[in-house]
PDB file of N, CA and C in Angstrom:
ATOM      1  N   MET A   1     168.255 123.190 170.858  1.00  0.00           N
ATOM      2  CA  MET A   1     169.023 122.870 169.706  1.00  0.00           C
ATOM      3  C   MET A   1     168.618 121.412 169.198  1.00  0.00           C
ATOM      4  N   ASN A   2     168.491 121.196 168.005  1.00  0.00           N
ATOM      5  CA  ASN A   2     168.273 119.866 167.403  1.00  0.00           C
ATOM      6  C   ASN A   2     169.566 119.434 166.817  1.00  0.00           C
ATOM      7  N   GLU A   3     170.214 118.518 167.552  1.00  0.00           N
ATOM      8  CA  GLU A   3     171.389 117.908 166.969  1.00  0.00           C
ATOM      9  C   GLU A   3     171.106 116.622 166.195  1.00  0.00           C
ATOM     10  N   LEU A   4     171.297 116.752 164.936  1.00  0.00           N
ATOM     11  CA  LEU A   4     171.108 115.505 164.124  1.00  0.00           C
ATOM     12  C   LEU A   4     172.327 114.669 164.168  1.00  0.00           C
ATOM     13  N   SER A   5     172.011 113.334 164.270  1.00  0.00           N
ATOM     14  CA  SER A   5     173.203 112.458 164.193  1.00  0.00           C
ATOM     15  C   SER A   5     172.862 111.247 163.320  1.00  0.00           C
ATOM     16  N   THR A   6     173.718 110.873 162.529  1.00  0.00           N
ATOM     17  CA  THR A   6     173.572 109.761 161.577  1.00  0.00           C
ATOM     18  C   THR A   6     174.529 108.609 161.946  1.00  0.00           C
ATOM     19  N   TYR A   7     173.895 107.430 161.947  1.00  0.00           N
ATOM     20  CA  TYR A   7     174.682 106.218 162.189  1.00  0.00           C
ATOM     21  C   TYR A   7     174.386 105.222 161.012  1.00  0.00           C
ATOM     22  N   GLN A   8     175.312 104.434 160.683  1.00  0.00           N
ATOM     23  CA  GLN A   8     175.292 103.452 159.654  1.00  0.00           C
ATOM     24  C   GLN A   8     175.237 102.091 160.122  1.00  0.00           C
ATOM     25  N   LYS A   9     174.577 101.124 159.528  1.00  0.00           N
ATOM     26  CA  LYS A   9     174.638  99.794 159.778  1.00  0.00           C
ATOM     27  C   LYS A   9     174.439  98.893 158.659  1.00  0.00           C
ATOM     28  N   VAL A  10     175.196  97.802 158.561  1.00  0.00           N
ATOM     29  CA  VAL A  10     175.190  96.857 157.494  1.00  0.00           C
ATOM     30  C   VAL A  10     173.994  95.892 157.822  1.00  0.00           C
ATOM     31  N   LEU A  11     173.177  95.769 156.874  1.00  0.00           N
ATOM     32  CA  LEU A  11     171.874  94.945 157.040  1.00  0.00           C
ATOM     33  C   LEU A  11     172.265  93.475 156.819  1.00  0.00           C
ATOM     34  N   GLU A  12     171.833  92.585 157.566  1.00  0.00           N
ATOM     35  CA  GLU A  12     171.903  91.164 157.209  1.00  0.00           C
ATOM     36  C   GLU A  12     170.722  90.820 156.238  1.00  0.00           C
ATOM     37  N   PRO A  13     171.018  89.950 155.345  1.00  0.00           N
ATOM     38  CA  PRO A  13     169.888  89.521 154.410  1.00  0.00           C
ATOM     39  C   PRO A  13     168.751  88.855 155.337  1.00  0.00           C
ATOM     40  N   GLY A  14     167.572  89.335 154.929  1.00  0.00           N
ATOM     41  CA  GLY A  14     166.348  88.747 155.696  1.00  0.00           C
ATOM     42  C   GLY A  14     166.011  89.388 156.905  1.00  0.00           C
ATOM     43  N   ARG A  15     166.894  90.268 157.460  1.00  0.00           N
ATOM     44  CA  ARG A  15     166.620  90.948 158.778  1.00  0.00           C
ATOM     45  C   ARG A  15     165.815  92.335 158.394  1.00  0.00           C
ATOM     46  N   TRP A  16     164.531  92.331 158.722  1.00  0.00           N
ATOM     47  CA  TRP A  16     163.703  93.505 158.397  1.00  0.00           C
ATOM     48  C   TRP A  16     163.417  94.482 159.532  1.00  0.00           C
ATOM     49  N   ARG A  17     163.833  94.083 160.754  1.00  0.00           N
ATOM     50  CA  ARG A  17     163.739  94.972 161.896  1.00  0.00           C
ATOM     51  C   ARG A  17     165.087  95.314 162.335  1.00  0.00           C
ATOM     52  N   LEU A  18     165.198  96.607 162.788  1.00  0.00           N
ATOM     53  CA  LEU A  18     166.413  97.067 163.453  1.00  0.00           C
ATOM     54  C   LEU A  18     166.070  97.863 164.717  1.00  0.00           C
ATOM     55  N   GLN A  19     166.719  97.512 165.759  1.00  0.00           N
ATOM     56  CA  GLN A  19     166.512  98.263 167.077  1.00  0.00           C
ATOM     57  C   GLN A  19     167.306  99.678 166.960  1.00  0.00           C
ATOM     58  N   ILE A  20     166.434 100.737 167.234  1.00  0.00           N
ATOM     59  CA  ILE A  20     167.023 102.058 167.093  1.00  0.00           C
ATOM     60  C   ILE A  20     167.175 102.662 168.475  1.00  0.00           C
ATOM     61  N   GLN A  21     167.847 103.731 168.552  1.00  0.00           N
ATOM     62  CA  GLN A  21     168.263 104.461 169.847  1.00  0.00           C
ATOM     63  C   GLN A  21     167.013 104.992 170.502  1.00  0.00           C
ATOM     64  N   ALA A  22     166.836 104.705 171.801  1.00  0.00           N
ATOM     65  CA  ALA A  22     165.841 105.091 172.577  1.00  0.00           C
ATOM     66  C   ALA A  22     165.836 106.594 172.860  1.00  0.00           C
ATOM     67  N   GLY A  23     164.856 107.310 172.851  1.00  0.00           N
ATOM     68  CA  GLY A  23     164.885 108.760 173.113  1.00  0.00           C
ATOM     69  C   GLY A  23     165.230 109.541 172.017  1.00  0.00           C
ATOM     70  N   ARG A  24     165.262 109.003 170.852  1.00  0.00           N
ATOM     71  CA  ARG A  24     165.618 109.821 169.546  1.00  0.00           C
ATOM     72  C   ARG A  24     164.457 109.596 168.520  1.00  0.00           C
ATOM     73  N   GLU A  25     164.251 110.572 167.779  1.00  0.00           N
ATOM     74  CA  GLU A  25     163.187 110.655 166.582  1.00  0.00           C
ATOM     75  C   GLU A  25     163.980 110.365 165.325  1.00  0.00           C
ATOM     76  N   VAL A  26     163.489 109.452 164.562  1.00  0.00           N
ATOM     77  CA  VAL A  26     164.029 109.097 163.251  1.00  0.00           C
ATOM     78  C   VAL A  26     163.629 110.166 162.223  1.00  0.00           C
ATOM     79  N   LYS A  27     164.441 110.853 161.669  1.00  0.00           N
ATOM     80  CA  LYS A  27     164.148 111.996 160.728  1.00  0.00           C
ATOM     81  C   LYS A  27     164.262 111.436 159.288  1.00  0.00           C
ATOM     82  N   LYS A  28     165.290 110.566 158.992  1.00  0.00           N
ATOM     83  CA  LYS A  28     165.512 110.062 157.626  1.00  0.00           C
ATOM     84  C   LYS A  28     166.272 108.736 157.565  1.00  0.00           C
ATOM     85  N   VAL A  29     165.855 107.888 156.711  1.00  0.00           N
ATOM     86  CA  VAL A  29     166.459 106.607 156.582  1.00  0.00           C
ATOM     87  C   VAL A  29     166.756 106.503 155.085  1.00  0.00           C
ATOM     88  N   THR A  30     168.104 106.131 154.876  1.00  0.00           N
ATOM     89  CA  THR A  30     168.596 106.059 153.476  1.00  0.00           C
ATOM     90  C   THR A  30     169.246 104.757 153.305  1.00  0.00           C
ATOM     91  N   LEU A  31     169.367 104.240 152.015  1.00  0.00           N
ATOM     92  CA  LEU A  31     170.012 103.038 151.715  1.00  0.00           C
ATOM     93  C   LEU A  31     171.129 103.209 150.764  1.00  0.00           C
ATOM     94  N   LEU A  32     172.308 102.649 151.064  1.00  0.00           N
ATOM     95  CA  LEU A  32     173.436 102.821 150.120  1.00  0.00           C
ATOM     96  C   LEU A  32     173.115 101.622 149.039  1.00  0.00           C
ATOM     97  N   GLY A  33     172.820 102.131 147.857  1.00  0.00           N
ATOM     98  CA  GLY A  33     172.547 101.285 146.781  1.00  0.00           C
ATOM     99  C   GLY A  33     173.768 101.033 145.810  1.00  0.00           C
ATOM    100  N   MET A  34     173.340 100.503 144.771  1.00  0.00           N
ATOM    101  CA  MET A  34     174.317 100.227 143.718  1.00  0.00           C
ATOM    102  C   MET A  34     175.050 101.644 143.229  1.00  0.00           C
ATOM    103  N   ARG A  35     176.322 101.464 142.818  1.00  0.00           N
ATOM    104  CA  ARG A  35     177.125 102.569 142.421  1.00  0.00           C
ATOM    105  C   ARG A  35     177.336 103.677 143.612  1.00  0.00           C
ATOM    106  N   SER A  36     177.246 103.139 144.808  1.00  0.00           N
ATOM    107  CA  SER A  36     177.471 103.897 146.004  1.00  0.00           C
ATOM    108  C   SER A  36     176.655 105.249 146.033  1.00  0.00           C
ATOM    109  N   ARG A  37     175.327 105.094 145.672  1.00  0.00           N
ATOM    110  CA  ARG A  37     174.489 106.214 145.843  1.00  0.00           C
ATOM    111  C   ARG A  37     173.408 105.915 146.962  1.00  0.00           C
ATOM    112  N   TRP A  38     173.114 106.982 147.638  1.00  0.00           N
ATOM    113  CA  TRP A  38     172.191 106.922 148.725  1.00  0.00           C
ATOM    114  C   TRP A  38     170.726 107.110 148.266  1.00  0.00           C
ATOM    115  N   TYR A  39     169.830 106.251 148.718  1.00  0.00           N
ATOM    116  CA  TYR A  39     168.489 106.359 148.176  1.00  0.00           C
ATOM    117  C   TYR A  39     167.605 106.391 149.427  1.00  0.00           C
ATOM    118  N   PRO A  40     166.643 107.429 149.371  1.00  0.00           N
ATOM    119  CA  PRO A  40     165.893 107.557 150.550  1.00  0.00           C
ATOM    120  C   PRO A  40     164.755 106.544 150.654  1.00  0.00           C
ATOM    121  N   LEU A  41     164.392 106.034 151.880  1.00  0.00           N
ATOM    122  CA  LEU A  41     163.280 105.124 152.116  1.00  0.00           C
ATOM    123  C   LEU A  41     162.098 106.018 152.483  1.00  0.00           C
ATOM    124  N   THR A  42     160.919 105.513 151.991  1.00  0.00           N
ATOM    125  CA  THR A  42     159.730 106.352 152.254  1.00  0.00           C
ATOM    126  C   THR A  42     159.086 105.821 153.681  1.00  0.00           C
ATOM    127  N   HIS A  43     158.640 106.930 154.460  1.00  0.00           N
ATOM    128  CA  HIS A  43     158.072 106.562 155.777  1.00  0.00           C
ATOM    129  C   HIS A  43     156.585 106.204 155.565  1.00  0.00           C
ATOM    130  N   VAL A  44     156.136 105.130 156.109  1.00  0.00           N
ATOM    131  CA  VAL A  44     154.630 104.741 156.008  1.00  0.00           C
ATOM    132  C   VAL A  44     154.266 104.492 157.487  1.00  0.00           C
ATOM    133  N   PRO A  45     152.862 104.743 157.696  1.00  0.00           N
ATOM    134  CA  PRO A  45     152.393 104.404 159.023  1.00  0.00           C
ATOM    135  C   PRO A  45     152.578 102.890 159.418  1.00  0.00           C
ATOM    136  N   LYS A  46     152.787 102.597 160.630  1.00  0.00           N
ATOM    137  CA  LYS A  46     153.022 101.172 161.006  1.00  0.00           C
ATOM    138  C   LYS A  46     151.797 100.249 160.612  1.00  0.00           C
ATOM    139  N   GLU A  47     150.584 100.742 160.579  1.00  0.00           N
ATOM    140  CA  GLU A  47     149.490  99.958 160.149  1.00  0.00           C
ATOM    141  C   GLU A  47     149.570  99.535 158.710  1.00  0.00           C
ATOM    142  N   ASP A  48     150.171 100.399 157.820  1.00  0.00           N
ATOM    143  CA  ASP A  48     150.288 100.105 156.494  1.00  0.00           C
ATOM    144  C   ASP A  48     151.243  99.041 156.295  1.00  0.00           C
ATOM    145  N   LEU A  49     152.374  99.177 156.944  1.00  0.00           N
ATOM    146  CA  LEU A  49     153.472  98.129 156.927  1.00  0.00           C
ATOM    147  C   LEU A  49     152.943  96.753 157.391  1.00  0.00           C
ATOM    148  N   HIS A  50     152.186  96.828 158.507  1.00  0.00           N
ATOM    149  CA  HIS A  50     151.648  95.458 159.066  1.00  0.00           C
ATOM    150  C   HIS A  50     150.667  94.941 158.139  1.00  0.00           C
ATOM    151  N   ALA A  51     149.964  95.676 157.298  1.00  0.00           N
ATOM    152  CA  ALA A  51     149.063  95.095 156.394  1.00  0.00           C
ATOM    153  C   ALA A  51     149.712  94.325 155.191  1.00  0.00           C
ATOM    154  N   ARG A  52     151.008  94.627 155.048  1.00  0.00           N
ATOM    155  CA  ARG A  52     151.793  93.936 153.969  1.00  0.00           C
ATOM    156  C   ARG A  52     152.323  92.623 154.469  1.00  0.00           C
ATOM    157  N   LEU A  53     152.379  92.358 155.818  1.00  0.00           N
ATOM    158  CA  LEU A  53     153.003  91.180 156.353  1.00  0.00           C
ATOM    159  C   LEU A  53     152.007  90.050 156.439  1.00  0.00           C
ATOM    160  N   GLN A  54     152.430  88.851 156.132  1.00  0.00           N
ATOM    161  CA  GLN A  54     151.679  87.550 156.341  1.00  0.00           C
ATOM    162  C   GLN A  54     151.908  87.143 157.649  1.00  0.00           C
ATOM    163  N   LYS A  55     150.783  87.102 158.449  1.00  0.00           N
ATOM    164  CA  LYS A  55     150.905  86.632 159.789  1.00  0.00           C
ATOM    165  C   LYS A  55     150.213  85.371 160.077  1.00  0.00           C
ATOM    166  N   ARG A  56     150.680  84.660 161.050  1.00  0.00           N
ATOM    167  CA  ARG A  56     150.111  83.502 161.559  1.00  0.00           C
ATOM    168  C   ARG A  56     148.829  83.946 162.395  1.00  0.00           C
ATOM    169  N   PRO A  57     147.909  82.901 162.582  1.00  0.00           N
ATOM    170  CA  PRO A  57     146.671  83.203 163.406  1.00  0.00           C
ATOM    171  C   PRO A  57     147.014  83.891 164.762  1.00  0.00           C
ATOM    172  N   ASN A  58     148.135  83.510 165.373  1.00  0.00           N
ATOM    173  CA  ASN A  58     148.574  84.111 166.704  1.00  0.00           C
ATOM    174  C   ASN A  58     149.229  85.436 166.575  1.00  0.00           C
ATOM    175  N   GLY A  59     149.341  86.021 165.394  1.00  0.00           N
ATOM    176  CA  GLY A  59     149.984  87.280 165.161  1.00  0.00           C
ATOM    177  C   GLY A  59     151.402  87.296 164.861  1.00  0.00           C
ATOM    178  N   GLU A  60     152.137  86.183 164.960  1.00  0.00           N
ATOM    179  CA  GLU A  60     153.532  86.087 164.659  1.00  0.00           C
ATOM    180  C   GLU A  60     153.847  86.214 163.162  1.00  0.00           C
ATOM    181  N   VAL A  61     154.907  86.869 162.878  1.00  0.00           N
ATOM    182  CA  VAL A  61     155.328  86.973 161.512  1.00  0.00           C
ATOM    183  C   VAL A  61     156.548  86.099 161.253  1.00  0.00           C
ATOM    184  N   PRO A  62     156.466  84.939 160.707  1.00  0.00           N
ATOM    185  CA  PRO A  62     157.524  84.056 160.505  1.00  0.00           C
ATOM    186  C   PRO A  62     158.407  84.611 159.448  1.00  0.00           C
ATOM    187  N   ASP A  63     159.851  84.484 159.616  1.00  0.00           N
ATOM    188  CA  ASP A  63     160.793  84.973 158.647  1.00  0.00           C
ATOM    189  C   ASP A  63     160.684  84.240 157.282  1.00  0.00           C
ATOM    190  N   ALA A  64     160.193  83.023 157.281  1.00  0.00           N
ATOM    191  CA  ALA A  64     160.087  82.350 156.041  1.00  0.00           C
ATOM    192  C   ALA A  64     159.246  83.121 155.012  1.00  0.00           C
ATOM    193  N   VAL A  65     158.212  83.776 155.458  1.00  0.00           N
ATOM    194  CA  VAL A  65     157.227  84.374 154.496  1.00  0.00           C
ATOM    195  C   VAL A  65     157.589  85.857 154.219  1.00  0.00           C
ATOM    196  N   ILE A  66     158.603  86.314 154.718  1.00  0.00           N
ATOM    197  CA  ILE A  66     158.921  87.744 154.424  1.00  0.00           C
ATOM    198  C   ILE A  66     159.406  87.862 152.960  1.00  0.00           C
ATOM    199  N   LEU A  67     158.830  88.772 152.236  1.00  0.00           N
ATOM    200  CA  LEU A  67     159.373  89.116 150.923  1.00  0.00           C
ATOM    201  C   LEU A  67     160.721  89.696 151.051  1.00  0.00           C
ATOM    202  N   ARG A  68     161.583  89.208 150.110  1.00  0.00           N
ATOM    203  CA  ARG A  68     162.994  89.710 150.154  1.00  0.00           C
ATOM    204  C   ARG A  68     163.197  90.531 148.894  1.00  0.00           C
ATOM    205  N   GLY A  69     163.998  91.595 148.994  1.00  0.00           N
ATOM    206  CA  GLY A  69     164.329  92.403 147.935  1.00  0.00           C
ATOM    207  C   GLY A  69     165.238  93.612 148.338  1.00  0.00           C
ATOM    208  N   THR A  70     164.892  94.699 147.740  1.00  0.00           N
ATOM    209  CA  THR A  70     165.595  96.033 148.093  1.00  0.00           C
ATOM    210  C   THR A  70     164.523  96.875 148.904  1.00  0.00           C
ATOM    211  N   PRO A  71     164.732  97.109 150.152  1.00  0.00           N
ATOM    212  CA  PRO A  71     163.852  97.891 151.001  1.00  0.00           C
ATOM    213  C   PRO A  71     163.474  99.272 150.427  1.00  0.00           C
ATOM    214  N   THR A  72     162.192  99.600 150.300  1.00  0.00           N
ATOM    215  CA  THR A  72     161.734 100.859 149.729  1.00  0.00           C
ATOM    216  C   THR A  72     160.905 101.744 150.844  1.00  0.00           C
ATOM    217  N   VAL A  73     160.303 101.117 151.822  1.00  0.00           N
ATOM    218  CA  VAL A  73     159.649 101.755 152.827  1.00  0.00           C
ATOM    219  C   VAL A  73     159.989 101.325 154.202  1.00  0.00           C
ATOM    220  N   TYR A  74     159.737 102.207 155.179  1.00  0.00           N
ATOM    221  CA  TYR A  74     160.057 101.901 156.593  1.00  0.00           C
ATOM    222  C   TYR A  74     158.901 102.398 157.479  1.00  0.00           C
ATOM    223  N   ALA A  75     158.853 101.831 158.683  1.00  0.00           N
ATOM    224  CA  ALA A  75     157.877 102.385 159.692  1.00  0.00           C
ATOM    225  C   ALA A  75     158.551 102.175 161.066  1.00  0.00           C
ATOM    226  N   ILE A  76     158.070 102.964 162.011  1.00  0.00           N
ATOM    227  CA  ILE A  76     158.547 102.913 163.332  1.00  0.00           C
ATOM    228  C   ILE A  76     157.558 102.412 164.334  1.00  0.00           C
ATOM    229  N   GLU A  77     158.021 101.350 165.083  1.00  0.00           N
ATOM    230  CA  GLU A  77     157.041 100.889 166.184  1.00  0.00           C
ATOM    231  C   GLU A  77     157.961 100.606 167.405  1.00  0.00           C
ATOM    232  N   GLY A  78     157.682 101.619 168.382  1.00  0.00           N
ATOM    233  CA  GLY A  78     158.512 101.510 169.618  1.00  0.00           C
ATOM    234  C   GLY A  78     159.986 101.691 169.350  1.00  0.00           C
ATOM    235  N   PRO A  79     160.707 100.810 169.783  1.00  0.00           N
ATOM    236  CA  PRO A  79     162.262 100.900 169.618  1.00  0.00           C
ATOM    237  C   PRO A  79     162.601 100.210 168.236  1.00  0.00           C
ATOM    238  N   TRP A  80     161.781  99.857 167.281  1.00  0.00           N
ATOM    239  CA  TRP A  80     161.989  99.130 166.156  1.00  0.00           C
ATOM    240  C   TRP A  80     161.820  99.998 164.908  1.00  0.00           C
ATOM    241  N   LEU A  81     162.711  99.844 163.963  1.00  0.00           N
ATOM    242  CA  LEU A  81     162.702 100.371 162.674  1.00  0.00           C
ATOM    243  C   LEU A  81     162.388  99.160 161.711  1.00  0.00           C
ATOM    244  N   MET A  82     161.283  99.153 161.059  1.00  0.00           N
ATOM    245  CA  MET A  82     160.936  97.925 160.230  1.00  0.00           C
ATOM    246  C   MET A  82     161.013  98.388 158.761  1.00  0.00           C
ATOM    247  N   MET A  83     161.544  97.639 158.036  1.00  0.00           N
ATOM    248  CA  MET A  83     161.656  97.912 156.498  1.00  0.00           C
ATOM    249  C   MET A  83     160.960  96.788 155.726  1.00  0.00           C
ATOM    250  N   TRP A  84     160.487  97.279 154.512  1.00  0.00           N
ATOM    251  CA  TRP A  84     159.820  96.393 153.609  1.00  0.00           C
ATOM    252  C   TRP A  84     160.225  96.643 152.216  1.00  0.00           C
ATOM    253  N   PRO A  85     160.500  95.618 151.359  1.00  0.00           N
ATOM    254  CA  PRO A  85     160.712  94.190 151.839  1.00  0.00           C
ATOM    255  C   PRO A  85     162.016  94.065 152.576  1.00  0.00           C
ATOM    256  N   ALA A  86     162.140  92.889 153.065  1.00  0.00           N
ATOM    257  CA  ALA A  86     163.412  92.557 153.840  1.00  0.00           C
ATOM    258  C   ALA A  86     164.514  92.553 152.862  1.00  0.00           C
ATOM    259  N   PRO A  87     165.734  93.022 153.289  1.00  0.00           N
ATOM    260  CA  PRO A  87     166.831  93.152 152.373  1.00  0.00           C
ATOM    261  C   PRO A  87     167.309  91.776 151.842  1.00  0.00           C
ATOM    262  N   ALA A  88     167.504  91.648 150.574  1.00  0.00           N
ATOM    263  CA  ALA A  88     168.082  90.459 149.995  1.00  0.00           C
ATOM    264  C   ALA A  88     169.622  90.216 150.013  1.00  0.00           C
ATOM    265  N   HIS A  89     170.202  91.388 150.197  1.00  0.00           N
ATOM    266  CA  HIS A  89     171.644  91.414 150.163  1.00  0.00           C
ATOM    267  C   HIS A  89     172.116  92.317 151.486  1.00  0.00           C
ATOM    268  N   ASN A  90     173.436  92.428 151.482  1.00  0.00           N
ATOM    269  CA  ASN A  90     174.012  93.095 152.625  1.00  0.00           C
ATOM    270  C   ASN A  90     174.205  94.581 152.295  1.00  0.00           C
ATOM    271  N   TRP A  91     173.029  95.285 152.338  1.00  0.00           N
ATOM    272  CA  TRP A  91     172.812  96.815 152.013  1.00  0.00           C
ATOM    273  C   TRP A  91     173.336  97.420 153.362  1.00  0.00           C
ATOM    274  N   THR A  92     173.774  98.700 153.138  1.00  0.00           N
ATOM    275  CA  THR A  92     174.079  99.632 154.199  1.00  0.00           C
ATOM    276  C   THR A  92     173.049 100.572 154.444  1.00  0.00           C
ATOM    277  N   VAL A  93     172.553 100.778 155.600  1.00  0.00           N
ATOM    278  CA  VAL A  93     171.387 101.623 155.894  1.00  0.00           C
ATOM    279  C   VAL A  93     171.952 102.832 156.736  1.00  0.00           C
ATOM    280  N   ALA A  94     171.610 104.100 156.524  1.00  0.00           N
ATOM    281  CA  ALA A  94     172.002 105.165 157.397  1.00  0.00           C
ATOM    282  C   ALA A  94     170.682 105.694 157.933  1.00  0.00           C
ATOM    283  N   ILE A  95     170.690 105.880 159.193  1.00  0.00           N
ATOM    284  CA  ILE A  95     169.638 106.432 160.002  1.00  0.00           C
ATOM    285  C   ILE A  95     169.905 107.820 160.673  1.00  0.00           C
ATOM    286  N   THR A  96     169.235 108.711 160.248  1.00  0.00           N
ATOM    287  CA  THR A  96     169.439 110.108 160.817  1.00  0.00           C
ATOM    288  C   THR A  96     168.400 110.317 161.912  1.00  0.00           C
ATOM    289  N   THR A  97     168.965 110.755 163.027  1.00  0.00           N
ATOM    290  CA  THR A  97     167.919 110.915 164.177  1.00  0.00           C
ATOM    291  C   THR A  97     168.259 112.242 164.934  1.00  0.00           C
ATOM    292  N   ALA A  98     167.117 112.554 165.725  1.00  0.00           N
ATOM    293  CA  ALA A  98     167.316 113.895 166.497  1.00  0.00           C
ATOM    294  C   ALA A  98     166.661 113.588 167.815  1.00  0.00           C
ATOM    295  N   PRO A  99     167.029 114.318 168.836  1.00  0.00           N
ATOM    296  CA  PRO A  99     166.543 114.137 170.184  1.00  0.00           C
ATOM    297  C   PRO A  99     164.932 114.368 170.111  1.00  0.00           C
ATOM    298  N   LYS A 100     164.121 113.542 170.826  1.00  0.00           N
ATOM    299  CA  LYS A 100     162.712 113.831 170.914  1.00  0.00           C
ATOM    300  C   LYS A 100     162.557 115.222 171.629  1.00  0.00           C
ATOM    301  N   VAL A 101     161.555 115.905 171.073  1.00  0.00           N
ATOM    302  CA  VAL A 101     161.180 117.145 171.737  1.00  0.00           C
ATOM    303  C   VAL A 101     160.169 116.930 172.838  1.00  0.00           C
ATOM    304  N   LYS A 102     160.438 117.333 174.070  1.00  0.00           N
ATOM    305  CA  LYS A 102     159.518 117.210 175.124  1.00  0.00           C
ATOM    306  C   LYS A 102     158.716 118.486 175.376  1.00  0.00           C
ATOM    307  N   ILE A 103     157.403 118.357 175.319  1.00  0.00           N
ATOM    308  CA  ILE A 103     156.665 119.524 175.587  1.00  0.00           C
ATOM    309  C   ILE A 103     156.249 119.577 177.075  1.00  0.00           C
ATOM    310  N   HIS A 104     156.651 120.706 177.767  1.00  0.00           N
ATOM    311  CA  HIS A 104     156.244 120.764 179.151  1.00  0.00           C
ATOM    312  C   HIS A 104     154.824 121.600 179.290  1.00  0.00           C
ATOM    313  N   ALA A 105     153.955 121.036 180.105  1.00  0.00           N
ATOM    314  CA  ALA A 105     152.666 121.674 180.097  1.00  0.00           C
ATOM    315  C   ALA A 105     152.669 122.626 181.280  1.00  0.00           C
TER     316      ALA A 105
END
């Protein structure tokens, strides 16, 4: 049985990474926009999202160079959900997850 669960979180301006629940697969990410409407974010591969980030030579991404606005895309890397661009306001994000399916060999 695939039990979907959705949880909501208020985003802090400038925070572009959220820790997600371990052992769960993200199915959908939506953003509560203006006029209380939910807008889906588009999933992109983590390599595409990393290509958008300005990094220092050591690979670090400083918060000062992160573009701010309304998030439109997201990627998953390990326990992190990363959004681009970083939220400029206190948006509410809803993350729908399901248990990861384990394949027994």
